[in-house]
Amino acid sequence: MIGVASPAVPRAGTTGRQRAGYVALYAVGIASLLAAYAPLGHHEVLNTFLARFSAGRSSFSSLATLVVVYVPMTISLVLAMLLLRGDRKRLEAGTLPPEETLRLQLRQDWVFSFMAAYVLIGFLAFLAGHMILAFL
């Protein structure tokens, strides 16, 4: 039915180790994006690589999508699966209290959302750098 509100998700606290993991993921993500896309020279190298191995404009776009979106997405998903492997096993066992189950599910949601945002920001940084090189 349209317009029927669903109940709010109950609050589930995070542990100190979980917060430290989030901080570490943020630090690594920010540092890697800055290292990859902040220097304009890195954009020039990436664009030269893409132009060298593409056969034209549409091939350039396809290769750029592969290199800038699909490769980081695949690496991120593999890392997320490795990070959350223990959580998945604990959830599948079904012996956890409801609050712990909710906390682990929310952690999984956070990690996958972070990875999706990381890939999207990398794509937007590439796009901005490509526009700067092409038009400025």
N, C-alpha and C. Protein backbone atom coordinates (compact mmCIF):
# COMPACT_ATOMS: atom_id res chain seq x y z
N MET A 1 0.83 -1.17 0.00
CA MET A 1 0.00 0.00 0.00
C MET A 1 0.88 1.24 0.00
N ILE A 2 0.45 2.22 -0.72
CA ILE A 2 1.19 3.47 -0.80
C ILE A 2 0.82 4.34 0.39
N GLY A 3 1.82 4.96 0.99
CA GLY A 3 1.59 5.87 2.08
C GLY A 3 1.60 5.24 3.45
N VAL A 4 1.85 3.95 3.55
CA VAL A 4 1.90 3.29 4.85
C VAL A 4 3.34 3.32 5.33
N ALA A 5 3.56 3.92 6.47
CA ALA A 5 4.91 4.03 7.01
C ALA A 5 5.35 2.71 7.62
N SER A 6 6.59 2.38 7.40
CA SER A 6 7.14 1.18 8.03
C SER A 6 7.77 1.58 9.36
N PRO A 7 7.87 0.65 10.26
CA PRO A 7 8.46 0.98 11.55
C PRO A 7 9.95 1.30 11.41
N ALA A 8 10.43 2.15 12.27
CA ALA A 8 11.84 2.53 12.25
C ALA A 8 12.71 1.34 12.64
N VAL A 9 13.91 1.31 12.10
CA VAL A 9 14.86 0.26 12.45
C VAL A 9 15.33 0.53 13.88
N PRO A 10 15.31 -0.47 14.74
CA PRO A 10 15.78 -0.24 16.10
C PRO A 10 17.26 0.12 16.12
N ARG A 11 17.65 0.90 17.09
CA ARG A 11 19.04 1.30 17.20
C ARG A 11 19.88 0.12 17.66
N ALA A 12 21.01 -0.04 17.03
CA ALA A 12 21.96 -1.08 17.42
C ALA A 12 23.32 -0.41 17.56
N GLY A 13 23.89 -0.49 18.73
CA GLY A 13 25.16 0.16 18.98
C GLY A 13 26.30 -0.50 18.21
N THR A 14 27.33 0.28 17.97
CA THR A 14 28.52 -0.26 17.33
C THR A 14 29.59 -0.45 18.38
N THR A 15 30.44 -1.41 18.15
CA THR A 15 31.53 -1.67 19.08
C THR A 15 32.71 -0.75 18.73
N GLY A 16 33.64 -0.65 19.65
CA GLY A 16 34.83 0.16 19.39
C GLY A 16 35.63 -0.40 18.23
N ARG A 17 35.70 -1.71 18.14
CA ARG A 17 36.44 -2.34 17.02
C ARG A 17 35.75 -2.03 15.69
N GLN A 18 34.43 -2.04 15.70
CA GLN A 18 33.68 -1.73 14.49
C GLN A 18 33.93 -0.28 14.06
N ARG A 19 33.90 0.64 15.02
CA ARG A 19 34.18 2.04 14.71
C ARG A 19 35.60 2.22 14.17
N ALA A 20 36.55 1.51 14.77
CA ALA A 20 37.93 1.58 14.29
C ALA A 20 38.04 1.05 12.86
N GLY A 21 37.29 0.01 12.56
CA GLY A 21 37.27 -0.51 11.19
C GLY A 21 36.70 0.49 10.21
N TYR A 22 35.64 1.17 10.61
CA TYR A 22 35.05 2.20 9.75
C TYR A 22 36.05 3.33 9.50
N VAL A 23 36.72 3.77 10.55
CA VAL A 23 37.72 4.83 10.41
C VAL A 23 38.85 4.38 9.48
N ALA A 24 39.29 3.14 9.64
CA ALA A 24 40.35 2.62 8.79
C ALA A 24 39.91 2.56 7.33
N LEU A 25 38.67 2.11 7.08
CA LEU A 25 38.17 2.08 5.70
C LEU A 25 38.08 3.48 5.11
N TYR A 26 37.59 4.43 5.90
CA TYR A 26 37.54 5.81 5.43
C TYR A 26 38.94 6.32 5.10
N ALA A 27 39.90 6.09 5.99
CA ALA A 27 41.26 6.59 5.78
C ALA A 27 41.89 5.98 4.53
N VAL A 28 41.76 4.68 4.36
CA VAL A 28 42.33 4.02 3.18
C VAL A 28 41.61 4.48 1.92
N GLY A 29 40.28 4.58 1.98
CA GLY A 29 39.51 5.03 0.81
C GLY A 29 39.87 6.44 0.39
N ILE A 30 39.92 7.35 1.34
CA ILE A 30 40.25 8.75 1.02
C ILE A 30 41.67 8.85 0.50
N ALA A 31 42.60 8.18 1.17
CA ALA A 31 44.00 8.25 0.74
C ALA A 31 44.18 7.67 -0.67
N SER A 32 43.51 6.57 -0.96
CA SER A 32 43.67 5.97 -2.28
C SER A 32 43.03 6.82 -3.38
N LEU A 33 41.88 7.42 -3.08
CA LEU A 33 41.27 8.30 -4.08
C LEU A 33 42.11 9.55 -4.32
N LEU A 34 42.65 10.11 -3.25
CA LEU A 34 43.51 11.29 -3.42
C LEU A 34 44.78 10.93 -4.19
N ALA A 35 45.37 9.79 -3.87
CA ALA A 35 46.59 9.38 -4.57
C ALA A 35 46.32 9.09 -6.04
N ALA A 36 45.17 8.52 -6.33
CA ALA A 36 44.87 8.14 -7.72
C ALA A 36 44.41 9.31 -8.57
N TYR A 37 43.63 10.23 -7.99
CA TYR A 37 42.97 11.23 -8.82
C TYR A 37 43.33 12.68 -8.52
N ALA A 38 43.99 12.97 -7.41
CA ALA A 38 44.28 14.37 -7.10
C ALA A 38 45.35 14.96 -8.01
N PRO A 39 46.48 14.30 -8.22
CA PRO A 39 47.47 14.90 -9.12
C PRO A 39 46.99 14.85 -10.58
N LEU A 40 47.05 15.96 -11.25
CA LEU A 40 46.60 16.01 -12.64
C LEU A 40 47.46 15.11 -13.53
N GLY A 41 48.70 14.90 -13.15
CA GLY A 41 49.57 14.02 -13.91
C GLY A 41 49.06 12.59 -13.94
N HIS A 42 48.40 12.16 -12.88
CA HIS A 42 47.84 10.81 -12.88
C HIS A 42 46.69 10.69 -13.88
N HIS A 43 45.93 11.76 -14.02
CA HIS A 43 44.87 11.76 -15.04
C HIS A 43 45.47 11.70 -16.44
N GLU A 44 46.55 12.43 -16.65
CA GLU A 44 47.20 12.41 -17.96
C GLU A 44 47.70 11.01 -18.29
N VAL A 45 48.30 10.34 -17.31
CA VAL A 45 48.80 8.98 -17.53
C VAL A 45 47.64 8.03 -17.82
N LEU A 46 46.56 8.14 -17.06
CA LEU A 46 45.40 7.28 -17.27
C LEU A 46 44.77 7.53 -18.63
N ASN A 47 44.61 8.78 -19.00
CA ASN A 47 44.04 9.09 -20.31
C ASN A 47 44.94 8.64 -21.45
N THR A 48 46.26 8.75 -21.28
CA THR A 48 47.20 8.27 -22.29
C THR A 48 47.08 6.75 -22.43
N PHE A 49 47.00 6.05 -21.31
CA PHE A 49 46.82 4.60 -21.34
C PHE A 49 45.53 4.21 -22.05
N LEU A 50 44.43 4.88 -21.69
CA LEU A 50 43.15 4.56 -22.31
C LEU A 50 43.16 4.86 -23.81
N ALA A 51 43.76 5.99 -24.20
CA ALA A 51 43.82 6.34 -25.62
C ALA A 51 44.70 5.37 -26.40
N ARG A 52 45.76 4.91 -25.78
CA ARG A 52 46.69 4.00 -26.46
C ARG A 52 46.05 2.65 -26.74
N PHE A 53 45.24 2.15 -25.82
CA PHE A 53 44.68 0.82 -25.96
C PHE A 53 43.23 0.81 -26.44
N SER A 54 42.73 1.95 -26.88
CA SER A 54 41.37 1.97 -27.43
C SER A 54 41.44 2.25 -28.92
N ALA A 55 40.38 1.85 -29.62
CA ALA A 55 40.35 1.99 -31.07
C ALA A 55 39.59 3.23 -31.52
N GLY A 56 39.04 3.98 -30.64
CA GLY A 56 38.27 5.16 -30.99
C GLY A 56 37.51 5.68 -29.80
N ARG A 57 36.58 6.59 -30.05
CA ARG A 57 35.84 7.21 -28.96
C ARG A 57 34.99 6.24 -28.16
N SER A 58 34.23 5.42 -28.84
CA SER A 58 33.37 4.49 -28.11
C SER A 58 34.21 3.43 -27.41
N SER A 59 35.29 3.01 -28.02
CA SER A 59 36.18 2.06 -27.38
C SER A 59 36.86 2.69 -26.17
N PHE A 60 37.20 3.98 -26.25
CA PHE A 60 37.77 4.70 -25.12
C PHE A 60 36.81 4.69 -23.94
N SER A 61 35.55 4.97 -24.22
CA SER A 61 34.55 4.99 -23.14
C SER A 61 34.37 3.62 -22.52
N SER A 62 34.34 2.59 -23.35
CA SER A 62 34.18 1.22 -22.83
C SER A 62 35.38 0.82 -21.99
N LEU A 63 36.57 1.13 -22.47
CA LEU A 63 37.78 0.80 -21.72
C LEU A 63 37.85 1.61 -20.43
N ALA A 64 37.45 2.88 -20.49
CA ALA A 64 37.44 3.71 -19.29
C ALA A 64 36.45 3.16 -18.26
N THR A 65 35.30 2.72 -18.71
CA THR A 65 34.32 2.13 -17.81
C THR A 65 34.89 0.87 -17.16
N LEU A 66 35.56 0.07 -17.94
CA LEU A 66 36.15 -1.16 -17.42
C LEU A 66 37.21 -0.84 -16.37
N VAL A 67 38.11 0.09 -16.71
CA VAL A 67 39.25 0.39 -15.83
C VAL A 67 38.84 1.20 -14.61
N VAL A 68 37.94 2.15 -14.79
CA VAL A 68 37.61 3.09 -13.71
C VAL A 68 36.44 2.62 -12.86
N VAL A 69 35.54 1.81 -13.41
CA VAL A 69 34.37 1.40 -12.64
C VAL A 69 34.42 -0.10 -12.30
N TYR A 70 34.53 -0.95 -13.30
CA TYR A 70 34.38 -2.38 -13.05
C TYR A 70 35.55 -3.01 -12.29
N VAL A 71 36.76 -2.60 -12.58
CA VAL A 71 37.90 -3.16 -11.85
C VAL A 71 37.85 -2.76 -10.37
N PRO A 72 37.69 -1.45 -10.05
CA PRO A 72 37.57 -1.11 -8.62
C PRO A 72 36.35 -1.74 -7.96
N MET A 73 35.25 -1.88 -8.69
CA MET A 73 34.06 -2.50 -8.11
C MET A 73 34.32 -3.96 -7.77
N THR A 74 34.97 -4.66 -8.65
CA THR A 74 35.29 -6.07 -8.41
C THR A 74 36.23 -6.22 -7.22
N ILE A 75 37.27 -5.39 -7.19
CA ILE A 75 38.21 -5.45 -6.08
C ILE A 75 37.51 -5.11 -4.77
N SER A 76 36.66 -4.10 -4.78
CA SER A 76 35.92 -3.70 -3.57
C SER A 76 34.99 -4.80 -3.09
N LEU A 77 34.29 -5.43 -4.01
CA LEU A 77 33.37 -6.51 -3.62
C LEU A 77 34.12 -7.71 -3.06
N VAL A 78 35.26 -8.04 -3.64
CA VAL A 78 36.06 -9.15 -3.11
C VAL A 78 36.55 -8.81 -1.70
N LEU A 79 37.03 -7.57 -1.51
CA LEU A 79 37.48 -7.16 -0.17
C LEU A 79 36.32 -7.16 0.83
N ALA A 80 35.16 -6.70 0.40
CA ALA A 80 33.99 -6.69 1.29
C ALA A 80 33.61 -8.12 1.66
N MET A 81 33.63 -9.02 0.72
CA MET A 81 33.30 -10.42 1.01
C MET A 81 34.30 -11.02 2.00
N LEU A 82 35.57 -10.69 1.83
CA LEU A 82 36.58 -11.20 2.76
C LEU A 82 36.41 -10.60 4.15
N LEU A 83 36.10 -9.30 4.21
CA LEU A 83 35.90 -8.64 5.50
C LEU A 83 34.69 -9.18 6.25
N LEU A 84 33.66 -9.55 5.51
CA LEU A 84 32.40 -9.94 6.13
C LEU A 84 32.16 -11.45 6.18
N ARG A 85 33.16 -12.21 5.82
CA ARG A 85 33.01 -13.67 5.79
C ARG A 85 32.64 -14.22 7.17
N GLY A 86 33.30 -13.74 8.21
CA GLY A 86 33.00 -14.21 9.56
C GLY A 86 31.59 -13.83 10.01
N ASP A 87 31.18 -12.61 9.65
CA ASP A 87 29.82 -12.17 10.00
C ASP A 87 28.77 -13.05 9.33
N ARG A 88 29.01 -13.37 8.07
CA ARG A 88 28.06 -14.20 7.34
C ARG A 88 27.91 -15.57 7.98
N LYS A 89 29.03 -16.15 8.39
CA LYS A 89 28.97 -17.47 9.04
C LYS A 89 28.21 -17.39 10.36
N ARG A 90 28.44 -16.33 11.12
CA ARG A 90 27.74 -16.17 12.40
C ARG A 90 26.24 -15.97 12.18
N LEU A 91 25.87 -15.21 11.14
CA LEU A 91 24.46 -14.98 10.86
C LEU A 91 23.77 -16.25 10.38
N GLU A 92 24.47 -17.03 9.57
CA GLU A 92 23.88 -18.26 9.06
C GLU A 92 23.69 -19.31 10.15
N ALA A 93 24.51 -19.24 11.20
CA ALA A 93 24.36 -20.19 12.30
C ALA A 93 23.03 -19.98 13.02
N GLY A 94 22.54 -18.75 13.06
CA GLY A 94 21.24 -18.47 13.64
C GLY A 94 21.17 -18.53 15.15
N THR A 95 22.30 -18.50 15.82
CA THR A 95 22.31 -18.59 17.28
C THR A 95 22.54 -17.26 17.98
N LEU A 96 22.57 -16.18 17.22
CA LEU A 96 22.85 -14.86 17.79
C LEU A 96 21.58 -14.23 18.35
N PRO A 97 21.74 -13.39 19.38
CA PRO A 97 20.58 -12.64 19.86
C PRO A 97 20.14 -11.62 18.81
N PRO A 98 18.90 -11.19 18.85
CA PRO A 98 18.38 -10.28 17.82
C PRO A 98 19.19 -8.98 17.68
N GLU A 99 19.67 -8.41 18.79
CA GLU A 99 20.43 -7.16 18.70
C GLU A 99 21.75 -7.37 17.97
N GLU A 100 22.42 -8.49 18.24
CA GLU A 100 23.68 -8.79 17.57
C GLU A 100 23.44 -9.08 16.09
N THR A 101 22.37 -9.76 15.78
CA THR A 101 22.02 -10.02 14.38
C THR A 101 21.80 -8.71 13.64
N LEU A 102 21.06 -7.80 14.25
CA LEU A 102 20.81 -6.50 13.63
C LEU A 102 22.11 -5.73 13.45
N ARG A 103 22.99 -5.76 14.46
CA ARG A 103 24.26 -5.05 14.37
C ARG A 103 25.11 -5.58 13.21
N LEU A 104 25.16 -6.89 13.05
CA LEU A 104 25.95 -7.47 11.96
C LEU A 104 25.32 -7.16 10.60
N GLN A 105 24.00 -7.19 10.52
CA GLN A 105 23.34 -6.85 9.25
C GLN A 105 23.58 -5.39 8.89
N LEU A 106 23.52 -4.51 9.88
CA LEU A 106 23.79 -3.10 9.61
C LEU A 106 25.24 -2.88 9.21
N ARG A 107 26.16 -3.65 9.79
CA ARG A 107 27.56 -3.54 9.39
C ARG A 107 27.75 -3.98 7.94
N GLN A 108 27.09 -5.06 7.56
CA GLN A 108 27.17 -5.51 6.17
C GLN A 108 26.62 -4.43 5.23
N ASP A 109 25.49 -3.87 5.59
CA ASP A 109 24.90 -2.80 4.77
C ASP A 109 25.86 -1.62 4.65
N TRP A 110 26.50 -1.25 5.76
CA TRP A 110 27.42 -0.11 5.75
C TRP A 110 28.61 -0.40 4.84
N VAL A 111 29.20 -1.57 4.96
CA VAL A 111 30.39 -1.90 4.16
C VAL A 111 30.05 -1.89 2.68
N PHE A 112 28.94 -2.50 2.27
CA PHE A 112 28.60 -2.53 0.85
C PHE A 112 28.23 -1.14 0.35
N SER A 113 27.58 -0.34 1.18
CA SER A 113 27.27 1.04 0.79
C SER A 113 28.55 1.86 0.64
N PHE A 114 29.50 1.65 1.55
CA PHE A 114 30.78 2.35 1.46
C PHE A 114 31.50 1.99 0.18
N MET A 115 31.52 0.72 -0.15
CA MET A 115 32.21 0.28 -1.36
C MET A 115 31.55 0.86 -2.61
N ALA A 116 30.23 0.92 -2.64
CA ALA A 116 29.52 1.51 -3.78
C ALA A 116 29.84 3.00 -3.88
N ALA A 117 29.85 3.69 -2.76
CA ALA A 117 30.17 5.12 -2.76
C ALA A 117 31.62 5.34 -3.19
N TYR A 118 32.51 4.47 -2.76
CA TYR A 118 33.93 4.58 -3.14
C TYR A 118 34.09 4.49 -4.66
N VAL A 119 33.44 3.51 -5.26
CA VAL A 119 33.54 3.34 -6.71
C VAL A 119 32.92 4.54 -7.43
N LEU A 120 31.79 5.02 -6.96
CA LEU A 120 31.12 6.15 -7.58
C LEU A 120 31.97 7.42 -7.48
N ILE A 121 32.58 7.67 -6.34
CA ILE A 121 33.43 8.85 -6.18
C ILE A 121 34.66 8.73 -7.07
N GLY A 122 35.21 7.53 -7.20
CA GLY A 122 36.33 7.34 -8.12
C GLY A 122 35.95 7.65 -9.55
N PHE A 123 34.75 7.21 -9.96
CA PHE A 123 34.28 7.51 -11.31
C PHE A 123 34.09 9.01 -11.50
N LEU A 124 33.47 9.68 -10.53
CA LEU A 124 33.25 11.12 -10.64
C LEU A 124 34.57 11.89 -10.67
N ALA A 125 35.56 11.43 -9.90
CA ALA A 125 36.87 12.07 -9.92
C ALA A 125 37.54 11.88 -11.28
N PHE A 126 37.41 10.68 -11.84
CA PHE A 126 37.96 10.45 -13.18
C PHE A 126 37.26 11.34 -14.21
N LEU A 127 35.96 11.42 -14.12
CA LEU A 127 35.20 12.24 -15.06
C LEU A 127 35.59 13.71 -14.97
N ALA A 128 35.72 14.21 -13.75
CA ALA A 128 36.14 15.61 -13.57
C ALA A 128 37.54 15.83 -14.11
N GLY A 129 38.46 14.93 -13.84
CA GLY A 129 39.82 15.05 -14.36
C GLY A 129 39.87 14.98 -15.87
N HIS A 130 39.07 14.10 -16.44
CA HIS A 130 39.03 13.99 -17.90
C HIS A 130 38.48 15.27 -18.52
N MET A 131 37.45 15.85 -17.91
CA MET A 131 36.91 17.12 -18.42
C MET A 131 37.93 18.25 -18.30
N ILE A 132 38.66 18.27 -17.21
CA ILE A 132 39.68 19.30 -17.03
C ILE A 132 40.74 19.17 -18.12
N LEU A 133 41.20 17.96 -18.38
CA LEU A 133 42.20 17.76 -19.41
C LEU A 133 41.67 18.07 -20.80
N ALA A 134 40.43 17.75 -21.04
CA ALA A 134 39.86 17.92 -22.38
C ALA A 134 39.49 19.38 -22.68
N PHE A 135 39.04 20.12 -21.69
CA PHE A 135 38.47 21.43 -21.98
C PHE A 135 39.17 22.61 -21.31
N LEU A 136 40.10 22.38 -20.43
CA LEU A 136 40.77 23.52 -19.79
C LEU A 136 42.21 23.64 -20.16
